[in-house]
Amino acid sequence: MDQNEREIILSVKDLRISFKTQYGILQAIRGVSFDLYKGETLAIVGESGSGKSVTSRAIIGLLAGNSIVEDGQILYAQRDLLQVPEEIFHEIRGSKISMIFQDPMSSLNPIVKIGKQITETLVIKLKMPKKIAKERAIQLMAEVGIPEPEKRYHQYPFQFSGGMRQRIVIAIALANNAEILICDEPTTALDVTIQAQILDLINRLKKERNLSVIFITHDLGVVANVADRIAVMYAGKIVEIGTSDDVFYDPRHPYTWALLSSMPSLATSETLDAIGGTPPNMIYPPVGDAFAPRNKYAMEIDLDQEPPMFKISDTHYAATWLLHPNAPKVILPSAVLEVKKNRGKLR
């Protein structure tokens, strides 16, 4: 289906968020815009501090007390979530938009049995009778792959492995038939085998429930098999956005090249390339392209003028002066050329 014909379920427009700190105002989000389509997985990728988690927490209304929403809109169900009263947001949060976090133990109460933690959600949000809520909770536990759910319903979080705890968190997030699921680094604390199982579970549930998923990660490799589209963030901005194929096999921004070059791959035995330098201090945002000091392809204009978002195709955009008609041609990093050459082996 053409992208223009797909249903937009969530729209973020020119979002700008800062934080008051003891050192000054930190500009965390600097004009982020994107649409989330019904039934798709949008991955937001970037280093720590790029603004991806702040964006997700703004969507679900969980910003820290020292945050300042400078500008922008988050449109859902014909409402701007930045403007609705907290009592309305409380109805939306957990019912229509749910979130799973990096560490499942921080999401679960260690002294409350697992079954009660799931049924509480059903009783409070859906006003479901306790007996029916228990049956539904056991059904949800089975749905997310918990063995012997009737027995494990009565157990505590410490009796579950990390992967099983994350499955419980997913069950709680989906208990109220949410339309949007935000996954904030949900596999980071898990070993590689369990990571793959959790990714497969999220992907299966997305298809079965026609969910729209926002997947936050610092690792492009994690989302290679699950993302429909990818937004690459750096210094509080989206610097490239496109379909998964666009970003993996036709990347245009030097930061995306750097992320791909630092991604382990069975396709190459070369040493991984680390991204040199450090992210900018966003209390004092740099002039021009924020990635320029770390970018070996940077030109003089990058130090003076911020690049616009250039259109590459109807689905693919990137903010780099290398896309200007007068920009010099560059040779792509060998790791990026290797990924392009081995197209299909990542999937």
Protein backbone atom coordinates (compact mmCIF):
# COMPACT_ATOMS: atom_id res chain seq x y z
CA MET A 1 0.00 0.00 0.00
CA ASP A 2 1.23 3.51 -0.85
CA GLN A 3 2.44 5.38 2.22
CA ASN A 4 0.04 8.25 1.48
CA GLU A 5 -2.91 5.83 1.70
CA ARG A 6 -1.96 4.36 5.08
CA GLU A 7 -3.72 5.41 8.27
CA ILE A 8 -1.67 7.69 10.50
CA ILE A 9 -2.35 6.71 14.13
CA LEU A 10 0.10 9.15 15.77
CA SER A 11 1.75 12.31 14.49
CA VAL A 12 4.63 14.18 16.15
CA LYS A 13 5.09 17.70 14.82
CA ASP A 14 8.10 19.98 15.48
CA LEU A 15 8.56 18.69 19.03
CA ARG A 16 10.99 20.75 21.13
CA ILE A 17 11.77 19.76 24.72
CA SER A 18 14.37 21.16 27.09
CA PHE A 19 15.37 20.37 30.66
CA LYS A 20 16.31 22.71 33.49
CA THR A 21 19.64 21.64 34.98
CA GLN A 22 21.99 23.18 37.50
CA TYR A 23 24.30 24.04 34.59
CA GLY A 24 21.68 25.62 32.35
CA ILE A 25 18.93 24.69 29.90
CA LEU A 26 19.63 21.44 28.07
CA GLN A 27 18.01 21.27 24.62
CA ALA A 28 17.12 17.57 24.40
CA ILE A 29 14.64 17.57 21.48
CA ARG A 30 15.10 20.17 18.75
CA GLY A 31 12.29 19.95 16.22
CA VAL A 32 11.39 16.25 15.87
CA SER A 33 8.61 15.36 13.41
CA PHE A 34 7.36 11.96 12.26
CA ASP A 35 4.18 9.97 11.63
CA LEU A 36 3.41 6.50 12.96
CA TYR A 37 1.22 4.37 10.72
CA LYS A 38 -1.34 1.80 11.77
CA GLY A 39 0.21 -1.66 12.03
CA GLU A 40 3.84 -0.63 11.47
CA THR A 41 7.01 -0.79 13.54
CA LEU A 42 8.97 2.46 13.55
CA ALA A 43 12.44 2.09 15.05
CA ILE A 44 14.09 5.19 16.52
CA VAL A 45 17.85 4.63 16.63
CA GLY A 46 20.67 6.65 18.14
CA GLU A 47 23.37 6.86 20.80
CA SER A 48 22.60 7.59 24.43
CA GLY A 49 21.62 11.23 24.75
CA SER A 50 20.31 11.52 21.20
CA GLY A 51 16.77 12.22 22.43
CA LYS A 52 15.04 8.99 21.44
CA SER A 53 13.86 8.03 24.94
CA VAL A 54 12.77 11.60 25.73
CA THR A 55 10.63 11.53 22.59
CA SER A 56 8.98 8.27 23.64
CA ARG A 57 8.33 9.49 27.19
CA ALA A 58 6.74 12.66 25.83
CA ILE A 59 4.33 10.51 23.80
CA ILE A 60 3.21 8.60 26.89
CA GLY A 61 3.29 11.62 29.20
CA LEU A 62 6.11 10.52 31.48
CA LEU A 63 8.52 13.45 31.19
CA ALA A 64 10.59 14.41 34.22
CA GLY A 65 9.48 17.30 36.41
CA ASN A 66 12.30 19.56 35.17
CA SER A 67 11.24 19.23 31.54
CA ILE A 68 10.03 22.16 29.45
CA VAL A 69 7.91 21.52 26.36
CA GLU A 70 9.01 24.48 24.25
CA ASP A 71 6.89 23.76 21.17
CA GLY A 72 5.25 21.11 19.06
CA GLN A 73 2.31 18.73 18.98
CA ILE A 74 1.73 15.02 19.58
CA LEU A 75 -1.53 14.20 17.82
CA TYR A 76 -3.48 11.06 18.71
CA ALA A 77 -7.20 10.44 18.19
CA GLN A 78 -7.70 14.10 17.14
CA ARG A 79 -6.14 15.34 20.38
CA ASP A 80 -2.83 17.00 21.14
CA LEU A 81 -1.44 14.88 23.97
CA LEU A 82 0.69 17.81 25.12
CA GLN A 83 -2.47 19.77 25.88
CA VAL A 84 -4.87 17.22 27.38
CA PRO A 85 -5.51 17.25 31.17
CA GLU A 86 -3.71 14.59 33.21
CA GLU A 87 -7.00 12.77 33.98
CA ILE A 88 -7.58 12.29 30.24
CA PHE A 89 -3.98 11.23 29.69
CA HIS A 90 -4.38 8.72 32.53
CA GLU A 91 -7.19 7.08 30.54
CA ILE A 92 -5.06 6.94 27.39
CA ARG A 93 -1.85 5.77 29.07
CA GLY A 94 -1.90 2.01 29.47
CA SER A 95 -5.21 1.65 27.66
CA LYS A 96 -4.48 3.07 24.20
CA ILE A 97 -0.73 3.71 24.42
CA SER A 98 1.45 1.35 26.46
CA MET A 99 5.18 1.17 27.11
CA ILE A 100 7.70 -1.50 28.04
CA PHE A 101 11.05 -0.52 29.49
CA GLN A 102 14.63 -1.75 29.41
CA ASP A 103 14.70 -3.35 32.86
CA PRO A 104 11.63 -5.47 33.62
CA MET A 105 12.45 -5.60 37.34
CA SER A 106 11.98 -1.83 37.59
CA SER A 107 8.52 -2.23 36.02
CA LEU A 108 7.34 -5.00 38.35
CA ASN A 109 6.62 -4.79 42.07
CA PRO A 110 8.98 -7.37 43.65
CA ILE A 111 6.65 -8.11 46.59
CA VAL A 112 3.43 -8.58 44.61
CA LYS A 113 2.60 -11.82 42.82
CA ILE A 114 2.74 -11.73 39.04
CA GLY A 115 -0.94 -12.63 38.59
CA LYS A 116 -2.12 -9.76 40.76
CA GLN A 117 0.04 -7.28 38.84
CA ILE A 118 -1.65 -8.27 35.59
CA THR A 119 -5.19 -8.44 36.99
CA GLU A 120 -4.85 -5.02 38.65
CA THR A 121 -4.47 -3.50 35.21
CA LEU A 122 -7.61 -5.23 33.95
CA VAL A 123 -9.68 -4.39 37.03
CA ILE A 124 -8.66 -0.73 37.22
CA LYS A 125 -8.60 0.14 33.51
CA LEU A 126 -11.36 -2.10 32.15
CA LYS A 127 -13.48 -2.46 35.34
CA MET A 128 -13.31 -6.21 34.80
CA PRO A 129 -14.60 -8.51 37.58
CA LYS A 130 -11.72 -10.16 39.45
CA LYS A 131 -12.64 -13.71 38.44
CA ILE A 132 -12.76 -12.82 34.74
CA ALA A 133 -9.59 -10.72 35.13
CA LYS A 134 -7.76 -13.75 36.50
CA GLU A 135 -8.85 -15.89 33.55
CA ARG A 136 -7.77 -13.14 31.16
CA ALA A 137 -4.41 -12.76 32.95
CA ILE A 138 -3.67 -16.47 32.60
CA GLN A 139 -4.65 -16.27 28.94
CA LEU A 140 -2.29 -13.33 28.43
CA MET A 141 0.55 -15.18 30.16
CA ALA A 142 0.06 -18.10 27.80
CA GLU A 143 -0.11 -15.72 24.83
CA VAL A 144 3.32 -14.25 25.62
CA GLY A 145 4.87 -17.70 26.08
CA ILE A 146 4.88 -18.24 29.85
CA PRO A 147 4.84 -22.01 30.52
CA GLU A 148 2.37 -23.36 33.07
CA PRO A 149 0.61 -19.97 33.42
CA GLU A 150 -1.92 -21.26 36.01
CA LYS A 151 0.96 -22.19 38.33
CA ARG A 152 3.16 -19.18 37.60
CA TYR A 153 0.24 -16.81 38.13
CA HIS A 154 0.87 -17.24 41.88
CA GLN A 155 4.65 -16.66 41.77
CA TYR A 156 6.74 -13.54 42.46
CA PRO A 157 8.98 -11.68 39.96
CA PHE A 158 12.20 -13.07 41.48
CA GLN A 159 11.03 -16.55 40.49
CA PHE A 160 11.13 -15.57 36.80
CA SER A 161 14.17 -15.21 34.55
CA GLY A 162 14.93 -11.85 32.92
CA GLY A 163 13.37 -12.93 29.63
CA MET A 164 10.25 -14.26 31.37
CA ARG A 165 9.90 -11.03 33.37
CA GLN A 166 10.03 -9.06 30.14
CA ARG A 167 7.28 -11.28 28.74
CA ILE A 168 5.16 -10.44 31.79
CA VAL A 169 5.77 -6.73 31.23
CA ILE A 170 4.62 -7.16 27.62
CA ALA A 171 1.50 -8.99 28.84
CA ILE A 172 0.69 -6.10 31.21
CA ALA A 173 1.30 -3.54 28.45
CA LEU A 174 -1.11 -5.33 26.12
CA ALA A 175 -3.72 -6.30 28.73
CA ASN A 176 -5.99 -3.41 27.77
CA ASN A 177 -5.74 -3.94 24.01
CA ALA A 178 -3.50 -0.92 23.41
CA GLU A 179 -3.20 0.42 19.87
CA ILE A 180 0.35 1.74 20.26
CA LEU A 181 3.19 -0.09 22.01
CA ILE A 182 6.37 1.83 22.82
CA CYS A 183 9.39 -0.42 23.44
CA ASP A 184 12.26 1.46 25.10
CA GLU A 185 15.39 -0.71 24.72
CA PRO A 186 13.39 -3.80 25.79
CA THR A 187 16.16 -6.31 25.00
CA THR A 188 19.27 -4.51 26.25
CA ALA A 189 19.50 -6.38 29.58
CA LEU A 190 18.98 -9.79 27.97
CA ASP A 191 21.40 -12.25 26.36
CA VAL A 192 21.39 -12.62 22.59
CA THR A 193 19.21 -15.76 22.46
CA ILE A 194 16.55 -14.26 24.73
CA GLN A 195 16.75 -10.97 22.79
CA ALA A 196 15.76 -12.82 19.63
CA GLN A 197 12.83 -14.50 21.40
CA ILE A 198 11.50 -11.19 22.75
CA LEU A 199 11.85 -9.53 19.32
CA ASP A 200 9.99 -12.43 17.71
CA LEU A 201 7.26 -12.15 20.38
CA ILE A 202 6.80 -8.40 19.83
CA ASN A 203 6.73 -8.91 16.06
CA ARG A 204 4.16 -11.72 16.33
CA LEU A 205 1.90 -9.75 18.67
CA LYS A 206 2.15 -6.73 16.37
CA LYS A 207 0.85 -8.77 13.45
CA GLU A 208 -1.83 -10.59 15.44
CA ARG A 209 -3.19 -7.41 17.06
CA ASN A 210 -2.43 -4.95 14.24
CA LEU A 211 -0.37 -2.94 16.74
CA SER A 212 1.63 0.15 15.92
CA VAL A 213 5.06 -0.14 17.54
CA ILE A 214 7.71 2.46 18.32
CA PHE A 215 10.96 0.60 19.03
CA ILE A 216 13.70 2.62 20.75
CA THR A 217 17.25 1.26 20.47
CA HIS A 218 20.91 2.26 20.15
CA ASP A 219 21.65 -0.80 17.99
CA LEU A 220 20.64 -0.86 14.33
CA GLY A 221 21.27 -4.60 14.23
CA VAL A 222 18.52 -5.25 16.77
CA VAL A 223 15.82 -3.87 14.48
CA ALA A 224 17.09 -5.29 11.18
CA ASN A 225 14.35 -7.91 11.11
CA VAL A 226 11.48 -6.12 12.84
CA ALA A 227 11.38 -2.47 11.69
CA ASP A 228 9.24 -1.31 8.78
CA ARG A 229 10.77 2.18 8.97
CA ILE A 230 13.77 3.60 10.80
CA ALA A 231 14.38 7.11 12.13
CA VAL A 232 18.01 7.88 13.02
CA MET A 233 18.41 10.50 15.76
CA TYR A 234 21.41 12.60 16.69
CA ALA A 235 21.64 15.57 19.08
CA GLY A 236 17.88 15.89 19.47
CA LYS A 237 17.02 15.72 15.77
CA ILE A 238 16.04 13.09 13.23
CA VAL A 239 18.91 13.11 10.73
CA GLU A 240 17.64 10.32 8.48
CA ILE A 241 14.33 8.52 8.10
CA GLY A 242 13.16 5.91 5.65
CA THR A 243 12.05 2.35 5.17
CA SER A 244 14.23 -0.34 6.69
CA ASP A 245 15.64 -1.08 3.23
CA ASP A 246 16.30 2.64 2.63
CA VAL A 247 18.35 3.01 5.81
CA PHE A 248 20.21 -0.31 5.65
CA TYR A 249 20.93 -0.52 1.93
CA ASP A 250 20.91 3.10 0.75
CA PRO A 251 21.99 5.13 3.82
CA ARG A 252 22.79 8.77 3.09
CA HIS A 253 23.74 10.42 6.38
CA PRO A 254 27.34 10.03 7.68
CA TYR A 255 25.99 9.27 11.15
CA THR A 256 23.96 6.38 9.74
CA TRP A 257 27.12 5.18 7.98
CA ALA A 258 28.94 5.32 11.33
CA LEU A 259 26.20 3.30 13.07
CA LEU A 260 26.27 0.66 10.33
CA SER A 261 30.06 0.51 10.47
CA SER A 262 29.94 -0.16 14.22
CA MET A 263 27.40 -2.99 13.82
CA PRO A 264 28.71 -6.57 14.13
CA SER A 265 27.95 -8.61 11.03
CA LEU A 266 28.65 -12.13 9.90
CA ALA A 267 29.16 -10.69 6.43
CA THR A 268 32.54 -9.16 7.24
CA SER A 269 35.53 -10.05 9.40
CA GLU A 270 36.86 -6.50 9.51
CA THR A 271 37.43 -4.68 12.78
CA LEU A 272 34.42 -2.69 13.93
CA ASP A 273 34.70 1.08 13.50
CA ALA A 274 34.04 3.10 16.63
CA ILE A 275 32.47 6.53 16.23
CA GLY A 276 35.21 8.98 17.20
CA GLY A 277 34.67 11.90 19.53
CA THR A 278 31.73 12.47 21.83
CA PRO A 279 28.16 13.74 21.36
CA PRO A 280 27.79 17.50 21.78
CA ASN A 281 26.88 19.19 25.05
CA MET A 282 23.27 20.19 24.39
CA ILE A 283 23.39 22.96 26.98
CA TYR A 284 25.55 24.64 24.34
CA PRO A 285 24.24 23.25 21.03
CA PRO A 286 26.76 23.50 18.20
CA VAL A 287 26.31 25.86 15.27
CA GLY A 288 25.69 24.10 11.96
CA ASP A 289 25.51 20.31 11.67
CA ALA A 290 25.78 18.85 15.20
CA PHE A 291 27.58 15.76 13.84
CA ALA A 292 30.24 17.79 11.98
CA PRO A 293 32.99 17.56 14.65
CA ARG A 294 32.83 13.74 14.49
CA ASN A 295 32.25 13.52 10.74
CA LYS A 296 35.27 12.88 8.51
CA TYR A 297 33.15 13.87 5.52
CA ALA A 298 32.29 17.30 6.98
CA MET A 299 32.62 20.36 4.76
CA GLU A 300 33.05 24.01 5.74
CA ILE A 301 29.33 24.65 5.41
CA ASP A 302 28.64 21.95 8.05
CA LEU A 303 30.34 24.12 10.66
CA ASP A 304 28.24 27.18 9.85
CA GLN A 305 24.82 26.09 8.59
CA GLU A 306 22.47 23.38 9.72
CA PRO A 307 21.46 21.20 6.74
CA PRO A 308 17.81 20.94 5.74
CA MET A 309 16.06 17.60 5.39
CA PHE A 310 16.68 16.59 1.76
CA LYS A 311 14.16 14.35 -0.01
CA ILE A 312 15.74 11.27 -1.56
CA SER A 313 12.48 9.48 -2.39
CA ASP A 314 8.86 9.50 -1.24
CA THR A 315 9.91 7.37 1.77
CA HIS A 316 13.50 8.48 2.37
CA TYR A 317 14.87 11.76 3.77
CA ALA A 318 18.23 12.79 5.26
CA ALA A 319 19.66 16.01 6.71
CA THR A 320 23.17 16.26 5.28
CA TRP A 321 24.85 18.79 2.98
CA LEU A 322 26.33 15.83 1.06
CA LEU A 323 22.93 15.59 -0.66
CA HIS A 324 23.21 19.12 -2.06
CA PRO A 325 23.67 19.07 -5.88
CA ASN A 326 26.98 20.93 -5.53
CA ALA A 327 28.42 18.64 -2.84
CA PRO A 328 31.47 16.52 -3.72
CA LYS A 329 31.04 12.80 -4.27
CA VAL A 330 32.41 10.64 -1.45
CA ILE A 331 33.44 7.01 -1.15
CA LEU A 332 31.25 5.14 1.29
CA PRO A 333 32.85 3.36 4.27
CA SER A 334 33.83 -0.23 3.49
CA ALA A 335 31.39 -1.62 6.08
CA VAL A 336 28.47 0.20 4.43
CA LEU A 337 29.53 -1.09 1.01
CA GLU A 338 29.71 -4.58 2.53
CA VAL A 339 26.14 -4.32 3.87
CA LYS A 340 24.89 -3.13 0.47
CA LYS A 341 26.73 -5.98 -1.25
CA ASN A 342 25.30 -8.57 1.12
CA ARG A 343 21.73 -7.28 0.91
CA GLY A 344 19.31 -9.92 2.13
CA LYS A 345 21.73 -11.71 4.46
CA LEU A 346 20.68 -9.56 7.42
CA ARG A 347 17.09 -10.70 7.11
